[in-house]
Protein backbone atom coordinates (compact mmCIF):
# COMPACT_ATOMS: atom_id res chain seq x y z
CA MET A 1 110.18 22.40 100.21
CA LYS A 2 109.04 21.52 96.70
CA LEU A 3 109.60 18.85 94.08
CA THR A 4 112.05 19.64 91.31
CA ALA A 5 111.44 18.62 87.68
CA ILE A 6 113.56 15.53 88.24
CA GLY A 7 111.61 14.79 91.41
CA ARG A 8 108.27 15.02 89.61
CA TYR A 9 109.39 12.57 86.91
CA TYR A 10 110.75 10.25 89.59
CA LEU A 11 107.46 10.38 91.53
CA ILE A 12 105.42 9.65 88.40
CA LEU A 13 107.62 6.66 87.60
CA LEU A 14 107.29 5.42 91.19
CA LEU A 15 103.49 5.68 91.10
CA LEU A 16 103.33 3.84 87.76
CA ILE A 17 105.46 0.99 89.09
CA LEU A 18 103.39 0.86 92.28
CA PHE A 19 100.14 0.85 90.26
CA ALA A 20 101.44 -1.93 88.00
CA GLY A 21 102.52 -3.99 91.01
CA PHE A 22 99.03 -3.80 92.57
CA ARG A 23 97.27 -4.30 89.24
CA ARG A 24 99.33 -7.32 88.19
CA GLU A 25 99.94 -8.49 91.74
CA VAL A 26 103.65 -8.72 91.07
CA ASN A 27 105.60 -8.67 94.29
CA LEU A 28 108.85 -7.75 92.58
CA LEU A 29 107.30 -4.49 91.32
CA LEU A 30 105.96 -3.73 94.79
CA LEU A 31 109.40 -4.41 96.26
CA LEU A 32 111.01 -2.15 93.62
CA SER A 33 108.58 0.66 94.37
CA ALA A 34 109.39 0.36 98.09
CA PHE A 35 113.11 0.68 97.36
CA MET A 36 112.44 3.69 95.10
CA ALA A 37 110.33 5.41 97.74
CA GLY A 38 113.20 5.36 100.23
CA PRO A 39 115.37 8.06 98.54
CA LEU A 40 112.31 10.24 97.96
CA VAL A 41 111.29 10.10 101.63
CA PHE A 42 114.92 10.74 102.62
CA HIS A 43 114.86 13.79 100.34
CA LEU A 44 111.96 15.31 102.24
CA PHE A 45 114.21 15.96 105.27
CA LEU A 46 117.89 16.24 104.31
CA PRO A 47 117.81 19.42 102.11
CA ARG A 48 115.70 21.20 104.74
CA TRP A 49 118.17 20.20 107.45
CA ILE A 50 121.10 21.50 105.38
CA VAL A 51 119.63 24.98 104.75
CA ARG A 52 118.47 25.34 108.35
CA GLY A 53 122.04 24.83 109.52
CA ILE A 54 123.43 27.64 107.35
CA SER A 55 124.15 31.12 108.68
CA LEU A 56 124.78 34.01 106.30
CA LYS A 57 126.55 37.37 106.40
CA ARG A 58 126.48 39.88 103.52
CA THR A 59 128.99 42.74 103.25
CA VAL A 60 128.23 45.62 100.89
CA PRO A 61 129.93 48.99 100.24
CA GLU A 62 128.23 52.00 101.75
CA SER A 63 128.39 54.17 98.65
CA VAL A 64 129.56 54.02 95.03
CA PHE A 65 129.38 56.19 91.92
CA PRO A 66 127.27 55.45 88.83
CA GLY A 67 129.15 53.21 86.42
CA GLU A 68 131.74 52.28 89.06
CA LYS A 69 132.19 48.56 89.66
CA CYS A 70 131.61 47.70 93.32
CA TYR A 71 132.14 44.43 95.13
CA PHE A 72 130.17 42.73 97.87
CA THR A 73 130.50 39.36 99.54
CA VAL A 74 128.11 36.72 100.81
CA GLU A 75 129.64 34.44 103.46
CA LEU A 76 127.93 31.16 104.33
CA SER A 77 128.91 29.05 107.33
CA THR A 78 127.63 25.73 108.66
CA LEU A 79 128.50 22.99 111.13
CA SER A 80 126.65 20.36 109.10
CA PHE A 81 128.46 17.14 108.13
CA PHE A 82 127.14 17.62 104.59
CA ARG A 83 128.72 21.12 104.40
CA PHE A 84 127.18 22.93 101.41
CA GLY A 85 125.80 19.92 99.59
CA GLY A 86 123.73 20.99 96.60
CA VAL A 87 123.54 24.57 97.90
CA THR A 88 122.93 27.47 95.50
CA VAL A 89 122.73 31.15 96.41
CA ASP A 90 120.63 33.86 94.74
CA ALA A 91 121.90 37.29 95.79
CA ARG A 92 121.31 39.35 92.67
CA PRO A 93 120.94 43.08 93.42
CA GLY A 94 118.08 44.83 91.68
CA GLY A 95 118.87 47.65 89.26
CA ALA A 96 122.47 46.57 88.71
CA LYS A 97 124.67 44.73 86.22
CA PHE A 98 125.64 41.68 88.23
CA GLN A 99 128.37 39.04 88.03
CA LEU A 100 129.73 36.30 90.30
CA GLU A 101 133.50 36.87 90.53
CA SER A 102 134.77 34.05 92.74
CA VAL A 103 133.83 31.29 95.19
CA ARG A 104 136.17 30.33 98.03
CA GLU A 105 135.69 27.53 100.56
CA SER A 106 137.50 27.08 103.85
CA SER A 107 137.13 25.16 107.10
CA GLU A 108 138.04 26.10 110.66
CA ALA A 109 137.28 24.39 113.98
CA GLY A 110 134.75 22.10 112.34
CA LYS A 111 132.88 24.99 110.73
CA ALA A 112 132.76 25.10 106.95
CA ARG A 113 132.71 28.47 105.20
CA GLN A 114 131.92 29.45 101.66
CA THR A 115 132.58 33.02 100.50
CA LEU A 116 131.02 34.26 97.28
CA ARG A 117 132.34 37.53 95.83
CA TYR A 118 130.08 39.46 93.48
CA SER A 119 130.56 42.57 91.39
CA ALA A 120 127.81 44.99 90.44
CA THR A 121 127.55 48.22 88.48
CA PHE A 122 124.73 50.71 89.02
CA ASP A 123 123.91 53.06 86.16
CA HIS A 124 121.93 55.70 88.02
CA ARG A 125 122.19 57.57 91.31
CA GLY A 126 119.81 56.59 94.09
CA GLU A 127 119.48 54.47 97.20
CA TYR A 128 119.09 50.80 96.38
CA THR A 129 117.79 48.24 98.86
CA LEU A 130 119.27 44.87 97.97
CA PRO A 131 116.81 41.99 97.68
CA ASP A 132 116.82 39.17 100.18
CA VAL A 133 119.36 36.38 99.73
CA THR A 134 117.82 32.99 98.97
CA VAL A 135 119.72 29.78 99.76
CA CYS A 136 118.53 26.52 98.18
CA SER A 137 119.63 22.91 98.52
CA ASP A 138 118.59 19.86 96.46
CA TYR A 139 121.11 17.46 98.01
CA PRO A 140 121.73 14.61 97.31
CA PHE A 141 119.78 13.54 94.20
CA GLY A 142 117.94 16.70 93.23
CA TYR A 143 114.43 15.33 93.81
CA THR A 144 113.31 18.08 96.17
CA CYS A 145 114.54 21.63 96.84
CA ALA A 146 114.50 23.36 100.23
CA ARG A 147 114.69 27.16 100.37
CA ARG A 148 115.63 29.60 103.07
CA THR A 149 115.49 33.40 102.75
CA PHE A 150 117.83 35.74 104.63
CA SER A 151 116.69 39.34 105.02
CA ASP A 152 119.25 41.90 106.21
CA GLY A 153 117.89 45.12 104.65
CA ALA A 154 121.28 45.90 103.05
CA GLN A 155 121.41 49.18 101.11
CA ILE A 156 123.86 50.75 98.66
CA LEU A 157 123.90 54.50 98.11
CA VAL A 158 124.80 55.43 94.53
CA LEU A 159 126.13 58.98 94.71
CA PRO A 160 125.51 61.54 91.97
CA LYS A 161 128.30 62.05 89.48
CA PHE A 162 130.54 65.02 90.24
CA ALA A 163 130.57 67.73 87.59
CA SER A 164 134.09 68.73 86.54
CA ARG A 165 132.99 72.33 85.93
CA PHE A 166 131.04 74.87 87.95
CA PRO A 167 128.97 77.95 87.13
CA SER A 168 131.13 81.06 87.36
CA CYS A 169 130.46 83.61 90.11
CA PRO A 170 132.75 86.65 89.57
CA ASP A 171 131.54 88.49 92.70
CA ILE A 172 133.72 86.27 94.93
CA PRO A 173 137.47 86.81 94.34
CA THR A 174 140.03 84.06 93.72
CA ASP A 175 143.60 83.65 94.97
CA GLU A 176 145.06 83.90 91.46
CA ALA A 177 146.67 87.30 92.07
CA THR A 178 148.43 86.25 95.30
CA THR A 179 149.26 82.58 94.75
CA GLY A 180 149.09 82.04 91.03
CA GLN A 181 146.61 79.24 91.71
CA THR A 182 143.04 79.60 90.52
CA ARG A 183 140.45 77.96 92.75
CA PRO A 184 136.70 77.41 92.67
CA HIS A 185 135.00 80.75 93.22
CA PHE A 186 133.12 79.67 96.34
CA LEU A 187 136.25 78.87 98.40
CA PRO A 188 137.13 81.57 100.98
CA SER A 189 140.47 83.29 101.28
CA MET A 190 143.30 81.10 102.51
CA GLY A 191 144.78 83.79 104.79
CA ASP A 192 147.87 85.99 104.48
CA PHE A 193 151.33 84.78 103.46
CA CYS A 194 153.49 84.05 106.51
CA GLY A 195 156.51 82.10 105.26
CA LEU A 196 157.84 79.07 103.36
CA ARG A 197 158.07 75.41 104.27
CA PRO A 198 159.25 72.21 102.53
CA PHE A 199 156.88 70.63 100.03
CA GLN A 200 154.77 67.80 101.46
CA ARG A 201 152.80 65.11 99.74
CA GLY A 202 149.32 66.43 99.01
CA ASP A 203 150.35 70.08 98.55
CA LEU A 204 148.88 71.79 95.51
CA PRO A 205 151.45 72.46 92.76
CA GLY A 206 150.11 75.99 92.46
CA ARG A 207 151.34 76.80 95.99
CA ILE A 208 154.99 76.01 95.17
CA HIS A 209 157.24 79.09 95.34
CA TRP A 210 159.38 78.34 92.29
CA ARG A 211 161.89 81.18 92.72
CA ALA A 212 162.68 80.25 96.34
CA SER A 213 162.74 76.56 95.39
CA ALA A 214 165.37 77.27 92.72
CA ARG A 215 167.56 79.17 95.21
CA HIS A 216 167.44 76.42 97.84
CA ASP A 217 167.50 73.51 95.35
CA ALA A 218 164.39 72.03 97.05
CA LEU A 219 160.67 72.40 96.59
CA LEU A 220 159.21 75.02 98.92
CA VAL A 221 155.59 76.01 99.30
CA GLN A 222 154.21 79.20 100.75
CA GLN A 223 152.51 78.93 104.10
CA ASN A 224 149.54 81.02 105.11
CA ASP A 225 148.37 82.18 108.52
CA ALA A 226 145.37 80.83 110.40
CA PRO A 227 142.51 79.62 108.20
CA GLN A 228 139.52 81.87 107.76
CA GLN A 229 136.27 80.90 109.47
CA THR A 230 133.50 81.14 106.91
CA HIS A 231 129.83 80.27 106.77
CA PHE A 232 128.41 79.57 103.35
CA ALA A 233 124.82 78.87 102.35
CA LEU A 234 123.88 77.02 99.19
CA VAL A 235 120.32 76.88 97.86
CA ALA A 236 119.73 74.29 95.12
CA ASP A 237 116.46 74.68 93.24
CA PHE A 238 115.64 71.56 91.23
CA THR A 239 112.39 72.88 89.78
CA ASP A 240 112.65 71.67 86.20
CA ASP A 241 110.96 69.70 83.46
CA ASP A 242 114.11 68.63 81.59
CA ASP A 243 115.81 65.39 82.73
CA ALA A 244 119.28 66.14 81.35
CA ARG A 245 119.36 69.64 82.81
CA PHE A 246 118.09 68.37 86.16
CA GLU A 247 120.79 65.65 86.37
CA GLN A 248 123.47 68.18 85.40
CA ALA A 249 122.34 70.47 88.21
CA VAL A 250 122.49 67.61 90.74
CA SER A 251 126.04 66.80 89.60
CA ILE A 252 127.13 70.41 89.98
CA VAL A 253 125.69 70.79 93.48
CA ALA A 254 127.30 67.50 94.55
CA ALA A 255 130.65 68.69 93.21
CA VAL A 256 130.35 72.02 95.04
CA VAL A 257 129.58 70.29 98.35
CA HIS A 258 132.46 67.85 97.86
CA GLU A 259 134.96 70.59 97.01
CA MET A 260 134.01 72.66 100.03
CA LEU A 261 134.10 69.78 102.53
CA ARG A 262 136.51 67.21 101.06
CA GLY A 263 138.40 69.08 98.33
CA PRO A 264 142.21 69.36 98.18
CA GLU A 265 142.24 72.89 99.67
CA ARG A 266 139.89 72.01 102.53
CA ARG A 267 142.75 71.85 105.05
CA TYR A 268 143.60 75.52 104.54
CA PHE A 269 140.33 76.84 105.95
CA HIS A 270 137.25 75.96 107.93
CA THR A 271 133.82 76.30 106.39
CA SER A 272 130.42 75.73 107.93
CA LEU A 273 127.84 75.05 105.29
CA SER A 274 124.07 75.21 105.06
CA LEU A 275 122.40 73.38 102.21
CA LYS A 276 118.77 73.79 101.14
CA ILE A 277 117.56 71.33 98.52
CA ILE A 278 114.32 72.23 96.76
CA GLY A 279 113.01 69.15 94.97
CA ARG A 280 109.82 67.14 95.27
CA LYS A 281 110.37 67.73 98.97
CA ILE A 282 112.37 70.52 100.60
CA VAL A 283 115.34 69.50 102.77
CA VAL A 284 117.53 71.80 104.88
CA LEU A 285 120.87 70.59 106.26
CA THR A 286 123.37 72.51 108.39
CA SER A 287 126.87 71.23 109.04
CA ALA A 288 126.78 72.53 112.60
CA SER A 289 123.72 70.48 113.58
CA THR A 290 123.76 67.52 111.18
CA GLU A 291 125.80 64.46 112.13
CA ASP A 292 128.11 63.43 109.27
CA PHE A 293 126.92 66.35 107.18
CA TYR A 294 128.86 65.32 104.07
CA TYR A 295 127.25 61.89 103.87
CA ALA A 296 123.80 63.27 104.71
CA ALA A 297 124.11 65.87 101.92
CA MET A 298 125.28 63.28 99.39
CA ARG A 299 122.44 60.96 100.32
CA GLU A 300 119.84 63.69 99.81
CA LEU A 301 121.38 64.60 96.44
CA ALA A 302 121.43 60.92 95.45
CA ILE A 303 117.69 60.50 96.03
CA VAL A 304 116.43 63.99 95.12
CA GLU A 305 113.57 64.20 92.61
CA ARG A 306 112.84 67.28 90.54
CA ARG A 307 110.15 69.69 91.60
CA ASP A 308 107.09 70.29 89.44
CA PRO A 309 107.57 73.63 87.58
CA SER A 310 103.91 74.46 88.26
CA LEU A 311 104.72 74.77 91.99
CA SER A 312 106.07 78.15 92.95
CA VAL A 313 108.91 78.65 95.40
CA GLU A 314 110.50 81.82 96.78
CA LEU A 315 114.27 82.01 96.44
CA PRO A 316 116.57 84.39 98.35
CA GLU A 317 118.84 86.93 96.67
CA GLU A 318 122.44 85.88 96.04
CA SER A 319 125.25 87.42 98.08
CA GLU A 320 128.92 86.72 98.75
CA ASN A 321 128.09 83.94 101.23
CA LEU A 322 124.80 82.81 99.70
CA TRP A 323 124.70 81.06 96.35
CA VAL A 324 121.50 80.06 94.58
CA LEU A 325 121.68 77.36 91.92
CA ARG A 326 118.63 77.02 89.68
CA SER A 327 118.26 73.90 87.60
CA GLN A 328 116.21 75.83 85.05
CA ASP A 329 119.13 78.22 84.38
CA GLY A 330 120.68 75.41 82.36
CA PHE A 331 124.30 76.33 83.28
CA VAL A 332 125.21 77.23 79.71
CA GLU A 333 128.72 76.50 78.45
CA GLU A 334 129.94 80.10 78.78
CA SER A 335 129.10 80.20 82.49
CA LEU A 336 131.15 77.14 83.45
CA ARG A 337 134.77 77.08 84.58
CA GLU A 338 137.17 74.18 85.14
CA THR A 339 137.90 73.02 88.69
CA ALA A 340 141.01 71.52 90.21
CA PHE A 341 139.62 68.00 90.56
CA SER A 342 137.97 65.36 88.43
CA PRO A 343 135.40 62.69 89.34
CA SER A 344 138.14 60.03 89.17
CA ASP A 345 139.76 61.64 92.24
CA THR A 346 136.70 60.97 94.37
CA ALA A 347 136.71 57.18 94.65
CA SER A 348 136.68 57.47 98.44
CA ALA A 349 133.86 59.96 98.58
CA GLY A 350 131.70 57.67 100.71
CA ARG A 351 131.43 58.06 104.44
CA GLY A 352 134.92 58.05 105.85
């Protein structure tokens, strides 16, 4: 509880009138000062009572992408007769462009609710802990202000941007010769052709058998046999001294992990994946032993920091099922190839 600017001026005026009443022995001034003291004393209790009767719930998204507008809500509820008199809320997230979108009030079974909807945009990947929410009330005249802080430890994970192109790796074959559809080089074989079936929503256009579709006057796609069981290991070395190159490498590794585990061709095969991230600290994740491997991998890539180039690290040799990505390689333009997805297709890349 503290005096506001208006409250301080009011108190000074009250003390001057009280001093003049005693000095001049004017009863009317003393009576006036007594009347003026009433609202001030009343103000010492009512705002505090209002904020103590408020309960708060904050809802935030689990993960977003840099530059993507996200929304979160702060819901206040109270049984107080004064509802949300003079109440203001400070829920600004640190590190974000912030805006209050709407305020909605409702009442049910004697309980008043106020829902504030905010939007925020985060420019950089990382894990952000939202600051505490502060609720203030200066009801009714604004002489004093009572504050209450709600701490819920809410966090938002800002995922790394997904690169739209990957480093080429010609040692691992593609399906271009058999299906006419190029695919990222790290995806395993989709199995042998075993027949045709009607086109379904979500099928890749490259799997449409156009000649058979023309004969039957309906879209048909080729169907493969049982998916291939594959284990793939990815080692990401973020030992670098260049910020732009380091961020590009993080985006590429995030895109590779997404394509292998959540990409459009994921349903054609099963892949177990091991991921070793070499940054300021070394992290090893395995899909077989890590709960919600996709989210855990994205979180580590969101918070990874580059490794000091003066620190040496031993890297394994590449093979068909082991791929080593080095941030210092730079991923020059000639070594990149287009993929079948773009970052705009990954709006639901959070934990699902």
